[in-house]
C-alpha atoms as a PDB file:
ATOM      1  CA  UNK A   1      43.089 -66.549 -36.409  1.00  0.00           C
ATOM      2  CA  UNK A   2      43.687 -63.077 -37.357  1.00  0.00           C
ATOM      3  CA  UNK A   3      44.530 -60.393 -34.790  1.00  0.00           C
ATOM      4  CA  UNK A   4      43.957 -56.735 -35.135  1.00  0.00           C
ATOM      5  CA  UNK A   5      46.567 -54.417 -33.910  1.00  0.00           C
ATOM      6  CA  UNK A   6      45.839 -52.872 -30.522  1.00  0.00           C
ATOM      7  CA  UNK A   7      45.547 -49.356 -31.977  1.00  0.00           C
ATOM      8  CA  UNK A   8      42.891 -50.368 -34.473  1.00  0.00           C
ATOM      9  CA  UNK A   9      40.792 -52.024 -31.785  1.00  0.00           C
ATOM     10  CA  UNK A  10      41.092 -48.936 -29.599  1.00  0.00           C
ATOM     11  CA  UNK A  11      39.970 -46.622 -32.394  1.00  0.00           C
ATOM     12  CA  UNK A  12      37.096 -48.937 -33.267  1.00  0.00           C
ATOM     13  CA  UNK A  13      35.972 -49.008 -29.608  1.00  0.00           C
ATOM     14  CA  UNK A  14      36.270 -45.223 -29.262  1.00  0.00           C
ATOM     15  CA  UNK A  15      34.238 -44.658 -32.444  1.00  0.00           C
ATOM     16  CA  UNK A  16      31.522 -47.019 -31.243  1.00  0.00           C
ATOM     17  CA  UNK A  17      31.309 -45.200 -27.893  1.00  0.00           C
ATOM     18  CA  UNK A  18      31.007 -41.816 -29.633  1.00  0.00           C
ATOM     19  CA  UNK A  19      28.233 -42.992 -31.945  1.00  0.00           C
ATOM     20  CA  UNK A  20      26.283 -44.719 -29.210  1.00  0.00           C
ATOM     21  CA  UNK A  21      26.778 -42.018 -26.541  1.00  0.00           C
ATOM     22  CA  UNK A  22      25.925 -39.038 -28.735  1.00  0.00           C
ATOM     23  CA  UNK A  23      22.301 -38.196 -29.007  1.00  0.00           C
ATOM     24  CA  UNK A  24      20.708 -35.461 -31.054  1.00  0.00           C
ATOM     25  CA  UNK A  25      19.014 -32.835 -28.908  1.00  0.00           C
ATOM     26  CA  UNK A  26      15.939 -31.002 -30.082  1.00  0.00           C
ATOM     27  CA  UNK A  27      14.817 -27.627 -28.834  1.00  0.00           C
ATOM     28  CA  UNK A  28      11.238 -26.428 -28.801  1.00  0.00           C
ATOM     29  CA  UNK A  29      10.575 -22.905 -29.985  1.00  0.00           C
ATOM     30  CA  UNK A  30       8.221 -21.133 -27.589  1.00  0.00           C
ATOM     31  CA  UNK A  31       6.445 -17.920 -28.503  1.00  0.00           C
ATOM     32  CA  UNK A  32       5.215 -15.702 -25.656  1.00  0.00           C
ATOM     33  CA  UNK A  33       2.657 -12.994 -26.192  1.00  0.00           C
ATOM     34  CA  UNK A  34       2.536 -10.123 -23.718  1.00  0.00           C
ATOM     35  CA  UNK A  35      -0.599  -8.041 -23.425  1.00  0.00           C
ATOM     36  CA  UNK A  36      -0.088  -4.490 -22.239  1.00  0.00           C
ATOM     37  CA  UNK A  37      -2.381  -3.617 -19.303  1.00  0.00           C
ATOM     38  CA  UNK A  38      -4.763  -0.688 -19.487  1.00  0.00           C
ATOM     39  CA  UNK A  39      -3.635   2.702 -18.120  1.00  0.00           C
ATOM     40  CA  UNK A  40      -5.954   2.232 -15.121  1.00  0.00           C
ATOM     41  CA  UNK A  41      -4.135  -0.972 -14.152  1.00  0.00           C
ATOM     42  CA  UNK A  42      -0.724   0.616 -14.624  1.00  0.00           C
ATOM     43  CA  UNK A  43      -1.657   3.626 -12.512  1.00  0.00           C
ATOM     44  CA  UNK A  44      -3.127   1.482  -9.681  1.00  0.00           C
ATOM     45  CA  UNK A  45      -4.754   4.414  -7.906  1.00  0.00           C
ATOM     46  CA  UNK A  46      -8.033   4.499  -5.994  1.00  0.00           C
ATOM     47  CA  UNK A  47      -9.525   7.146  -8.279  1.00  0.00           C
ATOM     48  CA  UNK A  48      -8.339   6.717 -11.904  1.00  0.00           C
ATOM     49  CA  UNK A  49     -10.400   9.693 -13.082  1.00  0.00           C
ATOM     50  CA  UNK A  50      -8.320  11.960 -10.786  1.00  0.00           C
ATOM     51  CA  UNK A  51      -5.155   9.782 -10.890  1.00  0.00           C
ATOM     52  CA  UNK A  52      -5.064  10.102  -7.075  1.00  0.00           C
ATOM     53  CA  UNK A  53      -5.658   7.913  -4.020  1.00  0.00           C
ATOM     54  CA  UNK A  54      -8.337   8.523  -1.399  1.00  0.00           C
ATOM     55  CA  UNK A  55      -6.951  11.041   1.099  1.00  0.00           C
ATOM     56  CA  UNK A  56      -4.505  12.639  -1.360  1.00  0.00           C
ATOM     57  CA  UNK A  57      -4.393  16.413  -1.672  1.00  0.00           C
ATOM     58  CA  UNK A  58      -6.258  17.892  -4.630  1.00  0.00           C
ATOM     59  CA  UNK A  59      -7.384  21.307  -5.850  1.00  0.00           C
ATOM     60  CA  UNK A  60     -10.966  22.489  -6.271  1.00  0.00           C
ATOM     61  CA  UNK A  61     -11.609  25.950  -7.725  1.00  0.00           C
ATOM     62  CA  UNK A  62      -8.128  27.079  -6.716  1.00  0.00           C
ATOM     63  CA  UNK A  63      -8.611  25.915  -3.118  1.00  0.00           C
ATOM     64  CA  UNK A  64      -6.813  22.979  -1.494  1.00  0.00           C
ATOM     65  CA  UNK A  65      -8.895  19.912  -0.812  1.00  0.00           C
ATOM     66  CA  UNK A  66      -8.708  16.165  -0.335  1.00  0.00           C
ATOM     67  CA  UNK A  67      -9.928  13.176  -2.389  1.00  0.00           C
ATOM     68  CA  UNK A  68     -12.997  11.577  -0.787  1.00  0.00           C
ATOM     69  CA  UNK A  69     -13.976   7.887  -0.719  1.00  0.00           C
ATOM     70  CA  UNK A  70     -16.380   8.704  -3.572  1.00  0.00           C
ATOM     71  CA  UNK A  71     -13.413   9.990  -5.658  1.00  0.00           C
ATOM     72  CA  UNK A  72     -14.484  13.622  -5.393  1.00  0.00           C
ATOM     73  CA  UNK A  73     -12.249  16.524  -4.477  1.00  0.00           C
ATOM     74  CA  UNK A  74     -13.817  18.082  -1.394  1.00  0.00           C
ATOM     75  CA  UNK A  75     -12.670  21.141   0.531  1.00  0.00           C
ATOM     76  CA  UNK A  76     -13.597  23.048   3.669  1.00  0.00           C
ATOM     77  CA  UNK A  77     -16.609  24.619   1.912  1.00  0.00           C
ATOM     78  CA  UNK A  78     -18.290  21.209   1.641  1.00  0.00           C
ATOM     79  CA  UNK A  79     -17.037  19.545   4.867  1.00  0.00           C
ATOM     80  CA  UNK A  80     -15.585  20.170   8.322  1.00  0.00           C
ATOM     81  CA  UNK A  81     -11.791  19.889   8.406  1.00  0.00           C
ATOM     82  CA  UNK A  82     -10.144  18.457  11.531  1.00  0.00           C
ATOM     83  CA  UNK A  83      -6.536  17.542  12.317  1.00  0.00           C
ATOM     84  CA  UNK A  84      -5.270  14.488  14.125  1.00  0.00           C
ATOM     85  CA  UNK A  85      -1.856  14.641  15.764  1.00  0.00           C
ATOM     86  CA  UNK A  86      -0.403  11.141  16.122  1.00  0.00           C
ATOM     87  CA  UNK A  87       2.249  11.208  18.832  1.00  0.00           C
ATOM     88  CA  UNK A  88       4.520   8.168  18.657  1.00  0.00           C
ATOM     89  CA  UNK A  89       5.726   7.269  22.137  1.00  0.00           C
ATOM     90  CA  UNK A  90       7.690   4.286  20.804  1.00  0.00           C
ATOM     91  CA  UNK A  91      11.183   4.384  19.333  1.00  0.00           C
ATOM     92  CA  UNK A  92      10.224   2.792  16.014  1.00  0.00           C
ATOM     93  CA  UNK A  93       8.028   3.658  13.054  1.00  0.00           C
ATOM     94  CA  UNK A  94       4.530   2.183  13.277  1.00  0.00           C
ATOM     95  CA  UNK A  95       1.565   1.764  10.915  1.00  0.00           C
ATOM     96  CA  UNK A  96      -1.734   2.974  12.356  1.00  0.00           C
ATOM     97  CA  UNK A  97      -5.239   2.213  11.071  1.00  0.00           C
ATOM     98  CA  UNK A  98      -7.619   5.149  11.622  1.00  0.00           C
ATOM     99  CA  UNK A  99     -11.409   5.090  11.904  1.00  0.00           C
ATOM    100  CA  UNK A 100     -13.861   7.808  12.836  1.00  0.00           C
ATOM    101  CA  UNK A 101     -17.469   8.033  13.964  1.00  0.00           C
ATOM    102  CA  UNK A 102     -19.154   9.456  11.950  1.00  0.00           C
ATOM    103  CA  UNK A 103     -17.044   8.052   9.110  1.00  0.00           C
ATOM    104  CA  UNK A 104     -14.751  10.646   7.571  1.00  0.00           C
ATOM    105  CA  UNK A 105     -15.383  11.767   4.010  1.00  0.00           C
ATOM    106  CA  UNK A 106     -11.716  12.022   3.126  1.00  0.00           C
ATOM    107  CA  UNK A 107      -8.411  11.259   4.781  1.00  0.00           C
ATOM    108  CA  UNK A 108      -5.943   8.383   4.906  1.00  0.00           C
ATOM    109  CA  UNK A 109      -7.087   5.122   6.489  1.00  0.00           C
ATOM    110  CA  UNK A 110      -3.527   3.953   7.114  1.00  0.00           C
ATOM    111  CA  UNK A 111      -0.869   6.294   8.464  1.00  0.00           C
ATOM    112  CA  UNK A 112       2.834   5.519   8.851  1.00  0.00           C
ATOM    113  CA  UNK A 113       3.875   7.289  12.038  1.00  0.00           C
ATOM    114  CA  UNK A 114       7.631   7.894  12.455  1.00  0.00           C
ATOM    115  CA  UNK A 115       9.122   8.356  15.937  1.00  0.00           C
ATOM    116  CA  UNK A 116       8.760  12.131  15.465  1.00  0.00           C
ATOM    117  CA  UNK A 117       4.962  11.749  15.065  1.00  0.00           C
ATOM    118  CA  UNK A 118       2.617  12.766  12.261  1.00  0.00           C
ATOM    119  CA  UNK A 119      -0.172  15.235  11.595  1.00  0.00           C
ATOM    120  CA  UNK A 120      -3.068  14.104   9.392  1.00  0.00           C
ATOM    121  CA  UNK A 121      -6.111  16.015   8.130  1.00  0.00           C
ATOM    122  CA  UNK A 122      -9.610  14.563   7.847  1.00  0.00           C
ATOM    123  CA  UNK A 123     -12.825  15.898   6.385  1.00  0.00           C
ATOM    124  CA  UNK A 124     -16.032  15.073   8.267  1.00  0.00           C
ATOM    125  CA  UNK A 125     -19.585  15.726   7.046  1.00  0.00           C
ATOM    126  CA  UNK A 126     -20.501  19.420   7.186  1.00  0.00           C
ATOM    127  CA  UNK A 127     -22.277  20.381  10.418  1.00  0.00           C
ATOM    128  CA  UNK A 128     -20.719  17.600  12.525  1.00  0.00           C
ATOM    129  CA  UNK A 129     -20.803  18.600  16.206  1.00  0.00           C
ATOM    130  CA  UNK A 130     -19.229  15.480  17.763  1.00  0.00           C
ATOM    131  CA  UNK A 131     -16.908  12.733  16.572  1.00  0.00           C
ATOM    132  CA  UNK A 132     -14.534  10.082  17.846  1.00  0.00           C
ATOM    133  CA  UNK A 133     -11.260   8.978  16.319  1.00  0.00           C
ATOM    134  CA  UNK A 134      -9.837   5.503  16.879  1.00  0.00           C
ATOM    135  CA  UNK A 135      -6.301   4.369  16.071  1.00  0.00           C
ATOM    136  CA  UNK A 136      -5.387   0.689  15.879  1.00  0.00           C
ATOM    137  CA  UNK A 137      -1.766  -0.480  15.780  1.00  0.00           C
ATOM    138  CA  UNK A 138       0.239  -3.683  16.404  1.00  0.00           C
ATOM    139  CA  UNK A 139       1.920  -4.343  19.750  1.00  0.00           C
ATOM    140  CA  UNK A 140       4.216  -7.328  20.167  1.00  0.00           C
ATOM    141  CA  UNK A 141       2.949  -8.155  23.692  1.00  0.00           C
ATOM    142  CA  UNK A 142      -0.824  -7.883  23.237  1.00  0.00           C
ATOM    143  CA  UNK A 143      -1.489  -8.048  19.475  1.00  0.00           C
ATOM    144  CA  UNK A 144      -3.557  -5.038  18.373  1.00  0.00           C
ATOM    145  CA  UNK A 145      -3.790  -2.007  20.641  1.00  0.00           C
ATOM    146  CA  UNK A 146      -6.248   0.835  20.256  1.00  0.00           C
ATOM    147  CA  UNK A 147      -6.606   4.438  21.338  1.00  0.00           C
ATOM    148  CA  UNK A 148      -9.908   6.320  21.118  1.00  0.00           C
ATOM    149  CA  UNK A 149     -10.441  10.067  21.561  1.00  0.00           C
ATOM    150  CA  UNK A 150     -13.738  11.944  21.382  1.00  0.00           C
ATOM    151  CA  UNK A 151     -14.383  15.596  20.645  1.00  0.00           C
ATOM    152  CA  UNK A 152     -17.513  17.733  20.620  1.00  0.00           C
ATOM    153  CA  UNK A 153     -18.394  21.357  20.040  1.00  0.00           C
ATOM    154  CA  UNK A 154     -21.909  22.776  20.114  1.00  0.00           C
ATOM    155  CA  UNK A 155     -21.676  24.618  16.791  1.00  0.00           C
ATOM    156  CA  UNK A 156     -19.204  22.615  14.669  1.00  0.00           C
ATOM    157  CA  UNK A 157     -16.021  20.568  14.907  1.00  0.00           C
ATOM    158  CA  UNK A 158     -14.415  22.592  12.096  1.00  0.00           C
ATOM    159  CA  UNK A 159     -10.748  23.212  12.915  1.00  0.00           C
ATOM    160  CA  UNK A 160     -10.538  20.751  15.832  1.00  0.00           C
ATOM    161  CA  UNK A 161      -7.141  19.266  16.664  1.00  0.00           C
ATOM    162  CA  UNK A 162      -7.116  15.863  18.378  1.00  0.00           C
ATOM    163  CA  UNK A 163      -3.991  14.288  19.861  1.00  0.00           C
ATOM    164  CA  UNK A 164      -3.627  10.497  19.919  1.00  0.00           C
ATOM    165  CA  UNK A 165      -0.684   8.903  21.722  1.00  0.00           C
ATOM    166  CA  UNK A 166       0.472   5.689  20.041  1.00  0.00           C
ATOM    167  CA  UNK A 167       2.177   3.462  22.602  1.00  0.00           C
ATOM    168  CA  UNK A 168       2.097  -0.197  23.600  1.00  0.00           C
ATOM    169  CA  UNK A 169       1.154  -0.834  27.239  1.00  0.00           C
END
């Protein structure tokens, strides 16, 4: 019986392990196509024709105005301008949802009110003699709190200033 030297057997075993253990890996080539979105999608504004959001400031015939829900720049010649003073009685910034009756033509629906408070302008339909403003905001104890203020003037509400205190009970 013939014996192989120990070194030869070891090399033979090591070679067998390498050939059996090694496996060829294949990689798939993947091609990805990216379509560029349209300018309207990139801009992501409410009114692409003006490149502004509803409630943003705009200019009409050299006069300051505001973008309406219909994406028109309206000013005090075509609507009654009022101001809402949001007074934050809490120590933290809060997001307030604003609604009006009659519905405002232009103005922000959501207002971030810092502890110092905020002043926001709204345009109401021309000739409005009475309106109410409602502010809705989250309160940790009760969920959603609301504050409603009404205002009326026999001739017009043009130039009215309404104060709303934002505070959780």
